[in-house]
Amino acid sequence: MRPQHVLLALAGLIGAALGVCAVRQSQSVRREASLFPAPGRLVDIGGRRLHLICIGEGEPTVVFEPSGFGGALSSSAARTEISARSRVCSYDRMGTGWSDAGPAVISAGELAGDLDHLLTLAEIEPPHILVAASIGGLTAELFARRYPERVAGLVFVDAATSGAIDRLVPEVTWMRTQLICLAPLAARVGLVRLIDPLRLQGNSGEDQARGVALIYRPEPIATLCGIVRGAAATAAEFRAAGPLATDVPLIVLSADSNKGLLPPGFSADRFISVAERHAFHEAFSRRSSQGRWQIVPGSTHLIASSHPHVVAGAVLELVAAARRRQASIAGGS
């Protein structure tokens, strides 16, 4: 057999195998959609819908801004603890969880705009306490800088801040962007589910099965690709935004290691050290006269998972402070 015929045969076998994988992935997605319906409500923000869950009662409303692959169901233990004393809302950003997909290029400004529309159209009255994890810190910070009158406090949970943008944007090279943006295609043919980069399939249970169903689809990974593509636009939006209010109540929590910052098998230390992250977090806390920075011993990057009580305690501290301010204002009037 001639070499070119061998190559053609191999290409045909690979194509057939990918086709079978794609069919199986499509079947899995359809089956999982019926197994795991949206537990909250879908809010139309203007041609796209975002999935929102609110629990508990009381003001101010606490709003969780999720991590890169997090969503409305993330930080459940912390949200439940807080909901005993105040209303707590969480949501899926565009393309994740049960929310509709967004554009191919996504900036922090677009995500902050989505949050603005969601809270307005869902009639969740301000001011809010925003609780941001990981990359969600950029959305929360830009929202707070654009709408300071709507923010009663900020809790950053090992979250990204604008201070790190100039340090990290050069890491978003053309080659890295292309590699990340190939991942949605891999998800579409089932390769991401097969490889299981987040190690979601090693444990049994409904939460793990739901995690596989929600994350190992093309849409969430395409959203991550869009955020990477929008890095330069995000940097420009922060340069154009007003400063953070100097008196906004602010608690910045830092993990004491890089564990969980990237998927298993990837070294986050190559991109940013623990000391650098801590320096950015401490500097961010100093932007407010009411800012406080705290390292959480023994925590992973997703502190709300490893130490939910610490996150809940920080949030409830700001809830109590907001209520005291509101009572003082009411008493003065």
C-alpha atoms as a PDB file:
ATOM      1  CA  MET A   1       0.000   0.000   0.000  1.00  0.00           C
ATOM      2  CA  ARG A   2       1.348   3.395  -0.935  1.00  0.00           C
ATOM      3  CA  PRO A   3       2.196   5.857   1.901  1.00  0.00           C
ATOM      4  CA  GLN A   4      -0.425   8.336   0.753  1.00  0.00           C
ATOM      5  CA  HIS A   5      -3.063   5.597   0.885  1.00  0.00           C
ATOM      6  CA  VAL A   6      -1.992   4.716   4.435  1.00  0.00           C
ATOM      7  CA  LEU A   7      -2.293   8.372   5.446  1.00  0.00           C
ATOM      8  CA  LEU A   8      -5.723   8.644   3.865  1.00  0.00           C
ATOM      9  CA  ALA A   9      -6.847   5.492   5.649  1.00  0.00           C
ATOM     10  CA  LEU A  10      -5.576   6.805   8.980  1.00  0.00           C
ATOM     11  CA  ALA A  11      -7.269  10.141   8.389  1.00  0.00           C
ATOM     12  CA  GLY A  12     -10.507   8.334   7.616  1.00  0.00           C
ATOM     13  CA  LEU A  13     -10.273   6.248  10.790  1.00  0.00           C
ATOM     14  CA  ILE A  14      -9.539   9.332  12.897  1.00  0.00           C
ATOM     15  CA  GLY A  15     -12.424  11.196  11.290  1.00  0.00           C
ATOM     16  CA  ALA A  16     -14.783   8.293  11.898  1.00  0.00           C
ATOM     17  CA  ALA A  17     -13.661   7.993  15.513  1.00  0.00           C
ATOM     18  CA  LEU A  18     -14.181  11.730  16.087  1.00  0.00           C
ATOM     19  CA  GLY A  19     -17.585  11.472  14.481  1.00  0.00           C
ATOM     20  CA  VAL A  20     -18.590   8.680  16.864  1.00  0.00           C
ATOM     21  CA  CYS A  21     -17.276  10.709  19.820  1.00  0.00           C
ATOM     22  CA  ALA A  22     -19.227  13.757  18.666  1.00  0.00           C
ATOM     23  CA  VAL A  23     -22.443  11.745  18.448  1.00  0.00           C
ATOM     24  CA  ARG A  24     -21.896  10.321  21.927  1.00  0.00           C
ATOM     25  CA  GLN A  25     -21.169  13.803  23.302  1.00  0.00           C
ATOM     26  CA  SER A  26     -24.368  15.149  21.744  1.00  0.00           C
ATOM     27  CA  GLN A  27     -26.358  12.274  23.216  1.00  0.00           C
ATOM     28  CA  SER A  28     -24.813  12.854  26.637  1.00  0.00           C
ATOM     29  CA  VAL A  29     -25.650  16.569  26.526  1.00  0.00           C
ATOM     30  CA  ARG A  30     -29.289  15.871  25.629  1.00  0.00           C
ATOM     31  CA  ARG A  31     -29.627  13.228  28.336  1.00  0.00           C
ATOM     32  CA  GLU A  32     -28.022  15.454  30.969  1.00  0.00           C
ATOM     33  CA  ALA A  33     -30.254  18.401  30.043  1.00  0.00           C
ATOM     34  CA  SER A  34     -33.267  16.341  31.119  1.00  0.00           C
ATOM     35  CA  LEU A  35     -31.500  14.975  34.208  1.00  0.00           C
ATOM     36  CA  PHE A  36     -30.373  18.385  35.467  1.00  0.00           C
ATOM     37  CA  PRO A  37     -32.975  21.085  34.706  1.00  0.00           C
ATOM     38  CA  ALA A  38     -32.290  24.668  35.769  1.00  0.00           C
ATOM     39  CA  PRO A  39     -32.942  24.974  39.520  1.00  0.00           C
ATOM     40  CA  GLY A  40     -33.396  28.763  39.350  1.00  0.00           C
ATOM     41  CA  ARG A  41     -35.014  31.152  36.912  1.00  0.00           C
ATOM     42  CA  LEU A  42     -33.864  32.354  33.510  1.00  0.00           C
ATOM     43  CA  VAL A  43     -33.821  36.145  33.217  1.00  0.00           C
ATOM     44  CA  ASP A  44     -33.874  37.681  29.726  1.00  0.00           C
ATOM     45  CA  ILE A  45     -31.333  40.506  29.713  1.00  0.00           C
ATOM     46  CA  GLY A  46     -31.963  41.465  26.078  1.00  0.00           C
ATOM     47  CA  GLY A  47     -31.681  38.593  23.619  1.00  0.00           C
ATOM     48  CA  ARG A  48     -29.830  36.347  26.050  1.00  0.00           C
ATOM     49  CA  ARG A  49     -30.892  34.683  29.289  1.00  0.00           C
ATOM     50  CA  LEU A  50     -28.914  34.360  32.510  1.00  0.00           C
ATOM     51  CA  HIS A  51     -29.688  31.751  35.131  1.00  0.00           C
ATOM     52  CA  LEU A  52     -30.260  33.169  38.637  1.00  0.00           C
ATOM     53  CA  ILE A  53     -30.836  31.588  42.053  1.00  0.00           C
ATOM     54  CA  CYS A  54     -31.775  33.555  45.186  1.00  0.00           C
ATOM     55  CA  ILE A  55     -32.153  32.088  48.677  1.00  0.00           C
ATOM     56  CA  GLY A  56     -32.857  33.570  52.096  1.00  0.00           C
ATOM     57  CA  GLU A  57     -34.350  36.889  53.127  1.00  0.00           C
ATOM     58  CA  GLY A  58     -33.020  40.209  54.355  1.00  0.00           C
ATOM     59  CA  GLU A  59     -31.077  43.213  53.131  1.00  0.00           C
ATOM     60  CA  PRO A  60     -28.602  44.003  51.755  1.00  0.00           C
ATOM     61  CA  THR A  61     -28.669  41.322  49.075  1.00  0.00           C
ATOM     62  CA  VAL A  62     -25.411  39.397  48.758  1.00  0.00           C
ATOM     63  CA  VAL A  63     -24.452  38.625  45.144  1.00  0.00           C
ATOM     64  CA  PHE A  64     -21.895  35.925  44.341  1.00  0.00           C
ATOM     65  CA  GLU A  65     -19.737  36.471  41.238  1.00  0.00           C
ATOM     66  CA  PRO A  66     -18.386  33.032  40.245  1.00  0.00           C
ATOM     67  CA  SER A  67     -14.933  31.778  39.343  1.00  0.00           C
ATOM     68  CA  GLY A  68     -13.984  30.832  35.785  1.00  0.00           C
ATOM     69  CA  PHE A  69     -15.727  27.448  35.801  1.00  0.00           C
ATOM     70  CA  GLY A  70     -17.973  28.243  38.763  1.00  0.00           C
ATOM     71  CA  GLY A  71     -21.606  29.211  38.587  1.00  0.00           C
ATOM     72  CA  ALA A  72     -24.924  29.583  40.353  1.00  0.00           C
ATOM     73  CA  LEU A  73     -24.436  26.398  42.384  1.00  0.00           C
ATOM     74  CA  SER A  74     -20.883  27.150  43.502  1.00  0.00           C
ATOM     75  CA  SER A  75     -19.984  28.119  47.089  1.00  0.00           C
ATOM     76  CA  SER A  76     -23.098  26.315  48.314  1.00  0.00           C
ATOM     77  CA  ALA A  77     -22.008  25.910  51.947  1.00  0.00           C
ATOM     78  CA  ALA A  78     -21.061  29.582  52.288  1.00  0.00           C
ATOM     79  CA  ARG A  79     -24.234  30.740  50.525  1.00  0.00           C
ATOM     80  CA  THR A  80     -26.398  28.581  52.745  1.00  0.00           C
ATOM     81  CA  GLU A  81     -24.757  29.918  55.915  1.00  0.00           C
ATOM     82  CA  ILE A  82     -25.199  33.519  54.775  1.00  0.00           C
ATOM     83  CA  SER A  83     -28.806  32.938  53.675  1.00  0.00           C
ATOM     84  CA  ALA A  84     -29.816  32.308  57.277  1.00  0.00           C
ATOM     85  CA  ARG A  85     -29.273  36.033  57.878  1.00  0.00           C
ATOM     86  CA  SER A  86     -29.635  37.753  54.495  1.00  0.00           C
ATOM     87  CA  ARG A  87     -30.764  37.263  50.930  1.00  0.00           C
ATOM     88  CA  VAL A  88     -28.139  35.608  48.706  1.00  0.00           C
ATOM     89  CA  CYS A  89     -28.167  35.516  44.906  1.00  0.00           C
ATOM     90  CA  SER A  90     -25.856  33.613  42.580  1.00  0.00           C
ATOM     91  CA  TYR A  91     -25.871  33.216  38.822  1.00  0.00           C
ATOM     92  CA  ASP A  92     -24.276  31.611  35.779  1.00  0.00           C
ATOM     93  CA  ARG A  93     -22.350  34.031  33.589  1.00  0.00           C
ATOM     94  CA  MET A  94     -22.875  33.853  29.840  1.00  0.00           C
ATOM     95  CA  GLY A  95     -22.203  30.429  28.341  1.00  0.00           C
ATOM     96  CA  THR A  96     -21.910  28.653  31.698  1.00  0.00           C
ATOM     97  CA  GLY A  97     -24.346  26.556  33.678  1.00  0.00           C
ATOM     98  CA  TRP A  98     -27.842  27.137  32.335  1.00  0.00           C
ATOM     99  CA  SER A  99     -27.171  30.598  30.850  1.00  0.00           C
ATOM    100  CA  ASP A 100     -27.169  31.297  27.126  1.00  0.00           C
ATOM    101  CA  ALA A 101     -23.904  31.637  25.240  1.00  0.00           C
ATOM    102  CA  GLY A 102     -22.368  35.061  24.624  1.00  0.00           C
ATOM    103  CA  PRO A 103     -20.160  36.662  21.966  1.00  0.00           C
ATOM    104  CA  ALA A 104     -16.825  35.319  20.707  1.00  0.00           C
ATOM    105  CA  VAL A 105     -14.863  38.107  22.428  1.00  0.00           C
ATOM    106  CA  ILE A 106     -15.771  38.901  26.038  1.00  0.00           C
ATOM    107  CA  SER A 107     -14.411  41.737  28.169  1.00  0.00           C
ATOM    108  CA  ALA A 108     -14.867  42.480  31.852  1.00  0.00           C
ATOM    109  CA  GLY A 109     -17.016  45.429  30.795  1.00  0.00           C
ATOM    110  CA  GLU A 110     -19.455  43.132  28.990  1.00  0.00           C
ATOM    111  CA  LEU A 111     -19.626  40.853  32.022  1.00  0.00           C
ATOM    112  CA  ALA A 112     -20.198  43.818  34.357  1.00  0.00           C
ATOM    113  CA  GLY A 113     -22.910  44.999  31.967  1.00  0.00           C
ATOM    114  CA  ASP A 114     -24.558  41.575  32.131  1.00  0.00           C
ATOM    115  CA  LEU A 115     -24.531  41.736  35.937  1.00  0.00           C
ATOM    116  CA  ASP A 116     -26.048  45.227  35.825  1.00  0.00           C
ATOM    117  CA  HIS A 117     -28.847  44.105  33.495  1.00  0.00           C
ATOM    118  CA  LEU A 118     -29.487  40.934  35.511  1.00  0.00           C
ATOM    119  CA  LEU A 119     -29.833  42.687  38.852  1.00  0.00           C
ATOM    120  CA  THR A 120     -31.993  45.430  37.342  1.00  0.00           C
ATOM    121  CA  LEU A 121     -34.327  43.184  35.353  1.00  0.00           C
ATOM    122  CA  ALA A 122     -34.620  40.647  38.167  1.00  0.00           C
ATOM    123  CA  GLU A 123     -35.626  43.578  40.420  1.00  0.00           C
ATOM    124  CA  ILE A 124     -32.935  42.905  43.012  1.00  0.00           C
ATOM    125  CA  GLU A 125     -32.743  46.213  44.812  1.00  0.00           C
ATOM    126  CA  PRO A 126     -29.359  47.784  45.592  1.00  0.00           C
ATOM    127  CA  PRO A 127     -27.088  48.300  47.344  1.00  0.00           C
ATOM    128  CA  HIS A 128     -25.452  44.878  47.086  1.00  0.00           C
ATOM    129  CA  ILE A 129     -22.541  43.129  48.703  1.00  0.00           C
ATOM    130  CA  LEU A 130     -20.543  41.489  45.911  1.00  0.00           C
ATOM    131  CA  VAL A 131     -18.607  38.308  46.667  1.00  0.00           C
ATOM    132  CA  ALA A 132     -16.148  37.517  43.875  1.00  0.00           C
ATOM    133  CA  ALA A 133     -14.018  34.421  43.340  1.00  0.00           C
ATOM    134  CA  SER A 134     -11.018  33.999  41.036  1.00  0.00           C
ATOM    135  CA  ILE A 135     -11.490  35.695  37.633  1.00  0.00           C
ATOM    136  CA  GLY A 136     -14.873  36.978  38.818  1.00  0.00           C
ATOM    137  CA  GLY A 137     -12.968  39.654  40.713  1.00  0.00           C
ATOM    138  CA  LEU A 138     -12.490  41.616  37.490  1.00  0.00           C
ATOM    139  CA  THR A 139     -16.248  41.741  36.872  1.00  0.00           C
ATOM    140  CA  ALA A 140     -16.980  42.708  40.484  1.00  0.00           C
ATOM    141  CA  GLU A 141     -14.286  45.401  40.592  1.00  0.00           C
ATOM    142  CA  LEU A 142     -15.381  47.005  37.332  1.00  0.00           C
ATOM    143  CA  PHE A 143     -19.033  46.886  38.446  1.00  0.00           C
ATOM    144  CA  ALA A 144     -18.091  48.581  41.724  1.00  0.00           C
ATOM    145  CA  ARG A 145     -16.114  51.263  39.918  1.00  0.00           C
ATOM    146  CA  ARG A 146     -18.895  51.954  37.399  1.00  0.00           C
ATOM    147  CA  TYR A 147     -21.796  51.815  39.876  1.00  0.00           C
ATOM    148  CA  PRO A 148     -20.358  52.766  43.300  1.00  0.00           C
ATOM    149  CA  GLU A 149     -23.766  53.834  44.629  1.00  0.00           C
ATOM    150  CA  ARG A 150     -25.046  50.281  44.136  1.00  0.00           C
ATOM    151  CA  VAL A 151     -22.338  48.551  46.155  1.00  0.00           C
ATOM    152  CA  ALA A 152     -22.585  48.176  49.945  1.00  0.00           C
ATOM    153  CA  GLY A 153     -19.394  46.150  50.197  1.00  0.00           C
ATOM    154  CA  LEU A 154     -16.955  43.815  48.461  1.00  0.00           C
ATOM    155  CA  VAL A 155     -15.527  40.462  49.504  1.00  0.00           C
ATOM    156  CA  PHE A 156     -12.760  39.230  47.207  1.00  0.00           C
ATOM    157  CA  VAL A 157     -12.137  35.501  47.602  1.00  0.00           C
ATOM    158  CA  ASP A 158      -8.642  34.927  46.168  1.00  0.00           C
ATOM    159  CA  ALA A 159     -10.002  36.965  43.283  1.00  0.00           C
ATOM    160  CA  ALA A 160      -8.288  38.714  40.395  1.00  0.00           C
ATOM    161  CA  THR A 161      -7.920  42.491  40.552  1.00  0.00           C
ATOM    162  CA  SER A 162      -7.095  45.125  37.974  1.00  0.00           C
ATOM    163  CA  GLY A 163      -3.687  45.596  39.575  1.00  0.00           C
ATOM    164  CA  ALA A 164      -2.567  42.279  38.081  1.00  0.00           C
ATOM    165  CA  ILE A 165      -3.730  43.021  34.539  1.00  0.00           C
ATOM    166  CA  ASP A 166      -0.539  44.661  33.294  1.00  0.00           C
ATOM    167  CA  ARG A 167       1.435  41.781  34.797  1.00  0.00           C
ATOM    168  CA  LEU A 168      -0.688  39.023  33.243  1.00  0.00           C
ATOM    169  CA  VAL A 169      -1.849  40.387  29.872  1.00  0.00           C
ATOM    170  CA  PRO A 170       1.611  39.740  28.307  1.00  0.00           C
ATOM    171  CA  GLU A 171       1.098  36.072  29.240  1.00  0.00           C
ATOM    172  CA  VAL A 172      -1.914  36.001  26.888  1.00  0.00           C
ATOM    173  CA  THR A 173       0.151  35.260  23.788  1.00  0.00           C
ATOM    174  CA  TRP A 174      -1.292  34.461  20.380  1.00  0.00           C
ATOM    175  CA  MET A 175      -0.222  30.819  20.673  1.00  0.00           C
ATOM    176  CA  ARG A 176      -1.757  30.348  24.126  1.00  0.00           C
ATOM    177  CA  THR A 177      -4.979  31.979  22.949  1.00  0.00           C
ATOM    178  CA  GLN A 178      -5.178  29.625  19.961  1.00  0.00           C
ATOM    179  CA  LEU A 179      -4.596  26.578  22.150  1.00  0.00           C
ATOM    180  CA  ILE A 180      -7.292  27.630  24.626  1.00  0.00           C
ATOM    181  CA  CYS A 181      -9.699  28.384  21.805  1.00  0.00           C
ATOM    182  CA  LEU A 182      -9.240  24.923  20.308  1.00  0.00           C
ATOM    183  CA  ALA A 183     -10.651  23.431  23.503  1.00  0.00           C
ATOM    184  CA  PRO A 184     -14.338  24.113  22.639  1.00  0.00           C
ATOM    185  CA  LEU A 185     -13.894  21.996  19.507  1.00  0.00           C
ATOM    186  CA  ALA A 186     -12.361  19.250  21.638  1.00  0.00           C
ATOM    187  CA  ALA A 187     -15.371  19.508  23.956  1.00  0.00           C
ATOM    188  CA  ARG A 188     -17.766  19.295  21.021  1.00  0.00           C
ATOM    189  CA  VAL A 189     -16.372  15.908  19.973  1.00  0.00           C
ATOM    190  CA  GLY A 190     -16.204  14.627  23.539  1.00  0.00           C
ATOM    191  CA  LEU A 191     -12.438  14.745  24.042  1.00  0.00           C
ATOM    192  CA  VAL A 192     -12.622  17.042  27.078  1.00  0.00           C
ATOM    193  CA  ARG A 193     -15.062  14.656  28.754  1.00  0.00           C
ATOM    194  CA  LEU A 194     -12.736  11.762  27.897  1.00  0.00           C
ATOM    195  CA  ILE A 195      -9.584  13.498  29.208  1.00  0.00           C
ATOM    196  CA  ASP A 196     -11.383  14.870  32.297  1.00  0.00           C
ATOM    197  CA  PRO A 197      -8.884  17.703  32.980  1.00  0.00           C
ATOM    198  CA  LEU A 198     -10.651  18.836  36.174  1.00  0.00           C
ATOM    199  CA  ARG A 199     -10.827  15.270  37.568  1.00  0.00           C
ATOM    200  CA  LEU A 200     -14.587  15.479  37.919  1.00  0.00           C
ATOM    201  CA  GLN A 201     -15.309  11.872  36.988  1.00  0.00           C
ATOM    202  CA  GLY A 202     -13.188  10.235  39.676  1.00  0.00           C
ATOM    203  CA  ASN A 203     -15.959  10.472  42.276  1.00  0.00           C
ATOM    204  CA  SER A 204     -19.535   9.271  42.147  1.00  0.00           C
ATOM    205  CA  GLY A 205     -22.541  11.304  43.175  1.00  0.00           C
ATOM    206  CA  GLU A 206     -25.028  13.770  41.759  1.00  0.00           C
ATOM    207  CA  ASP A 207     -22.831  16.843  42.268  1.00  0.00           C
ATOM    208  CA  GLN A 208     -19.987  15.305  40.277  1.00  0.00           C
ATOM    209  CA  ALA A 209     -22.322  14.156  37.506  1.00  0.00           C
ATOM    210  CA  ARG A 210     -23.861  17.632  37.329  1.00  0.00           C
ATOM    211  CA  GLY A 211     -20.386  19.172  37.203  1.00  0.00           C
ATOM    212  CA  VAL A 212     -19.442  17.024  34.222  1.00  0.00           C
ATOM    213  CA  ALA A 213     -22.720  17.893  32.503  1.00  0.00           C
ATOM    214  CA  LEU A 214     -22.330  21.650  33.033  1.00  0.00           C
ATOM    215  CA  ILE A 215     -18.596  22.103  32.443  1.00  0.00           C
ATOM    216  CA  TYR A 216     -17.565  19.561  29.807  1.00  0.00           C
ATOM    217  CA  ARG A 217     -19.644  21.208  27.078  1.00  0.00           C
ATOM    218  CA  PRO A 218     -18.337  23.571  24.368  1.00  0.00           C
ATOM    219  CA  GLU A 219     -20.130  26.661  25.715  1.00  0.00           C
ATOM    220  CA  PRO A 220     -18.326  27.170  29.072  1.00  0.00           C
ATOM    221  CA  ILE A 221     -14.955  26.581  27.456  1.00  0.00           C
ATOM    222  CA  ALA A 222     -15.857  28.947  24.613  1.00  0.00           C
ATOM    223  CA  THR A 223     -16.672  31.559  27.266  1.00  0.00           C
ATOM    224  CA  LEU A 224     -13.184  31.123  28.738  1.00  0.00           C
ATOM    225  CA  CYS A 225     -11.763  31.469  25.225  1.00  0.00           C
ATOM    226  CA  GLY A 226     -13.783  34.680  24.759  1.00  0.00           C
ATOM    227  CA  ILE A 227     -12.485  36.131  28.041  1.00  0.00           C
ATOM    228  CA  VAL A 228      -8.901  35.407  26.971  1.00  0.00           C
ATOM    229  CA  ARG A 229      -9.536  37.033  23.594  1.00  0.00           C
ATOM    230  CA  GLY A 230     -10.968  40.059  25.384  1.00  0.00           C
ATOM    231  CA  ALA A 231      -7.959  40.587  27.684  1.00  0.00           C
ATOM    232  CA  ALA A 232      -6.711  43.692  25.855  1.00  0.00           C
ATOM    233  CA  ALA A 233     -10.219  45.214  25.834  1.00  0.00           C
ATOM    234  CA  THR A 234     -10.529  44.484  29.554  1.00  0.00           C
ATOM    235  CA  ALA A 235      -7.269  46.314  30.250  1.00  0.00           C
ATOM    236  CA  ALA A 236      -8.527  49.336  28.285  1.00  0.00           C
ATOM    237  CA  GLU A 237     -11.851  49.345  30.160  1.00  0.00           C
ATOM    238  CA  PHE A 238     -10.107  49.469  33.519  1.00  0.00           C
ATOM    239  CA  ARG A 239      -7.880  52.321  32.361  1.00  0.00           C
ATOM    240  CA  ALA A 240     -11.004  54.265  31.368  1.00  0.00           C
ATOM    241  CA  ALA A 241     -13.013  53.472  34.511  1.00  0.00           C
ATOM    242  CA  GLY A 242     -13.184  55.700  37.549  1.00  0.00           C
ATOM    243  CA  PRO A 243     -11.350  54.641  40.699  1.00  0.00           C
ATOM    244  CA  LEU A 244     -12.755  52.363  43.347  1.00  0.00           C
ATOM    245  CA  ALA A 245     -14.651  54.322  46.007  1.00  0.00           C
ATOM    246  CA  THR A 246     -12.154  55.070  48.753  1.00  0.00           C
ATOM    247  CA  ASP A 247     -14.631  54.273  51.526  1.00  0.00           C
ATOM    248  CA  VAL A 248     -16.211  51.071  50.180  1.00  0.00           C
ATOM    249  CA  PRO A 249     -16.179  48.303  52.818  1.00  0.00           C
ATOM    250  CA  LEU A 250     -13.741  45.736  51.452  1.00  0.00           C
ATOM    251  CA  ILE A 251     -12.390  42.387  52.674  1.00  0.00           C
ATOM    252  CA  VAL A 252      -9.769  40.615  50.556  1.00  0.00           C
ATOM    253  CA  LEU A 253      -9.156  36.945  51.338  1.00  0.00           C
ATOM    254  CA  SER A 254      -6.065  35.216  49.926  1.00  0.00           C
ATOM    255  CA  ALA A 255      -5.308  31.516  49.664  1.00  0.00           C
ATOM    256  CA  ASP A 256      -1.955  30.596  51.135  1.00  0.00           C
ATOM    257  CA  SER A 257      -0.988  28.486  48.105  1.00  0.00           C
ATOM    258  CA  ASN A 258      -1.591  28.267  44.358  1.00  0.00           C
ATOM    259  CA  LYS A 259      -3.369  24.924  44.727  1.00  0.00           C
ATOM    260  CA  GLY A 260      -6.484  24.876  42.559  1.00  0.00           C
ATOM    261  CA  LEU A 261      -5.576  28.019  40.611  1.00  0.00           C
ATOM    262  CA  LEU A 262      -5.148  25.933  37.429  1.00  0.00           C
ATOM    263  CA  PRO A 263      -6.414  22.434  36.520  1.00  0.00           C
ATOM    264  CA  PRO A 264      -4.443  19.445  37.863  1.00  0.00           C
ATOM    265  CA  GLY A 265      -1.191  18.916  35.973  1.00  0.00           C
ATOM    266  CA  PHE A 266      -0.618  22.633  35.289  1.00  0.00           C
ATOM    267  CA  SER A 267       1.750  24.728  37.377  1.00  0.00           C
ATOM    268  CA  ALA A 268       0.305  28.116  38.310  1.00  0.00           C
ATOM    269  CA  ASP A 269       3.700  29.137  39.684  1.00  0.00           C
ATOM    270  CA  ARG A 270       4.920  29.532  36.096  1.00  0.00           C
ATOM    271  CA  PHE A 271       2.485  32.405  35.614  1.00  0.00           C
ATOM    272  CA  ILE A 272       2.256  34.030  39.031  1.00  0.00           C
ATOM    273  CA  SER A 273       3.787  33.227  42.400  1.00  0.00           C
ATOM    274  CA  VAL A 274       1.962  33.117  45.716  1.00  0.00           C
ATOM    275  CA  ALA A 275       3.960  36.150  46.855  1.00  0.00           C
ATOM    276  CA  GLU A 276       2.901  38.124  43.762  1.00  0.00           C
ATOM    277  CA  ARG A 277      -0.773  37.268  44.272  1.00  0.00           C
ATOM    278  CA  HIS A 278      -0.567  38.309  47.896  1.00  0.00           C
ATOM    279  CA  ALA A 279       1.082  41.586  46.932  1.00  0.00           C
ATOM    280  CA  PHE A 280      -1.715  42.372  44.444  1.00  0.00           C
ATOM    281  CA  HIS A 281      -4.381  41.477  47.012  1.00  0.00           C
ATOM    282  CA  GLU A 282      -2.821  43.558  49.761  1.00  0.00           C
ATOM    283  CA  ALA A 283      -2.443  46.535  47.409  1.00  0.00           C
ATOM    284  CA  PHE A 284      -6.093  46.213  46.379  1.00  0.00           C
ATOM    285  CA  SER A 285      -7.244  46.174  50.011  1.00  0.00           C
ATOM    286  CA  ARG A 286      -5.425  49.477  50.559  1.00  0.00           C
ATOM    287  CA  ARG A 287      -7.507  51.223  47.893  1.00  0.00           C
ATOM    288  CA  SER A 288     -10.257  51.593  50.490  1.00  0.00           C
ATOM    289  CA  SER A 289      -9.980  53.245  53.876  1.00  0.00           C
ATOM    290  CA  GLN A 290     -12.220  50.394  55.050  1.00  0.00           C
ATOM    291  CA  GLY A 291     -10.171  47.672  53.382  1.00  0.00           C
ATOM    292  CA  ARG A 292      -8.757  44.605  55.110  1.00  0.00           C
ATOM    293  CA  TRP A 293      -6.535  41.830  53.747  1.00  0.00           C
ATOM    294  CA  GLN A 294      -6.366  38.334  55.224  1.00  0.00           C
ATOM    295  CA  ILE A 295      -4.499  35.140  54.278  1.00  0.00           C
ATOM    296  CA  VAL A 296      -6.591  32.034  54.990  1.00  0.00           C
ATOM    297  CA  PRO A 297      -4.236  29.330  56.308  1.00  0.00           C
ATOM    298  CA  GLY A 298      -4.537  25.934  54.650  1.00  0.00           C
ATOM    299  CA  SER A 299      -6.904  27.198  51.955  1.00  0.00           C
ATOM    300  CA  THR A 300      -6.992  26.368  48.266  1.00  0.00           C
ATOM    301  CA  HIS A 301      -7.647  28.908  45.520  1.00  0.00           C
ATOM    302  CA  LEU A 302     -11.394  28.265  45.816  1.00  0.00           C
ATOM    303  CA  ILE A 303     -11.582  29.318  49.467  1.00  0.00           C
ATOM    304  CA  ALA A 304     -15.382  29.084  49.549  1.00  0.00           C
ATOM    305  CA  SER A 305     -14.997  25.333  48.955  1.00  0.00           C
ATOM    306  CA  SER A 306     -12.091  24.641  51.308  1.00  0.00           C
ATOM    307  CA  HIS A 307     -13.033  27.149  54.049  1.00  0.00           C
ATOM    308  CA  PRO A 308     -16.697  28.184  53.527  1.00  0.00           C
ATOM    309  CA  HIS A 309     -17.151  29.418  57.098  1.00  0.00           C
ATOM    310  CA  VAL A 310     -14.352  31.978  56.641  1.00  0.00           C
ATOM    311  CA  VAL A 311     -16.048  33.362  53.526  1.00  0.00           C
ATOM    312  CA  ALA A 312     -19.461  33.420  55.190  1.00  0.00           C
ATOM    313  CA  GLY A 313     -17.995  35.175  58.227  1.00  0.00           C
ATOM    314  CA  ALA A 314     -16.420  37.898  56.086  1.00  0.00           C
ATOM    315  CA  VAL A 315     -19.659  38.463  54.192  1.00  0.00           C
ATOM    316  CA  LEU A 316     -21.788  38.583  57.326  1.00  0.00           C
ATOM    317  CA  GLU A 317     -19.369  41.103  58.824  1.00  0.00           C
ATOM    318  CA  LEU A 318     -20.126  43.438  55.915  1.00  0.00           C
ATOM    319  CA  VAL A 319     -23.856  42.663  56.092  1.00  0.00           C
ATOM    320  CA  ALA A 320     -23.894  43.755  59.743  1.00  0.00           C
ATOM    321  CA  ALA A 321     -21.897  46.888  58.941  1.00  0.00           C
ATOM    322  CA  ALA A 322     -24.268  47.801  56.101  1.00  0.00           C
ATOM    323  CA  ARG A 323     -27.266  47.439  58.390  1.00  0.00           C
ATOM    324  CA  ARG A 324     -25.661  49.651  61.014  1.00  0.00           C
ATOM    325  CA  ARG A 325     -25.009  52.330  58.392  1.00  0.00           C
ATOM    326  CA  GLN A 326     -28.590  52.095  57.147  1.00  0.00           C
ATOM    327  CA  ALA A 327     -29.954  52.350  60.698  1.00  0.00           C
ATOM    328  CA  SER A 328     -27.752  55.397  61.348  1.00  0.00           C
ATOM    329  CA  ILE A 329     -29.011  57.075  58.178  1.00  0.00           C
ATOM    330  CA  ALA A 330     -32.635  56.297  59.073  1.00  0.00           C
ATOM    331  CA  GLY A 331     -32.101  57.603  62.595  1.00  0.00           C
ATOM    332  CA  GLY A 332     -30.525  60.812  61.316  1.00  0.00           C
ATOM    333  CA  SER A 333     -33.411  61.522  59.016  1.00  0.00           C
END
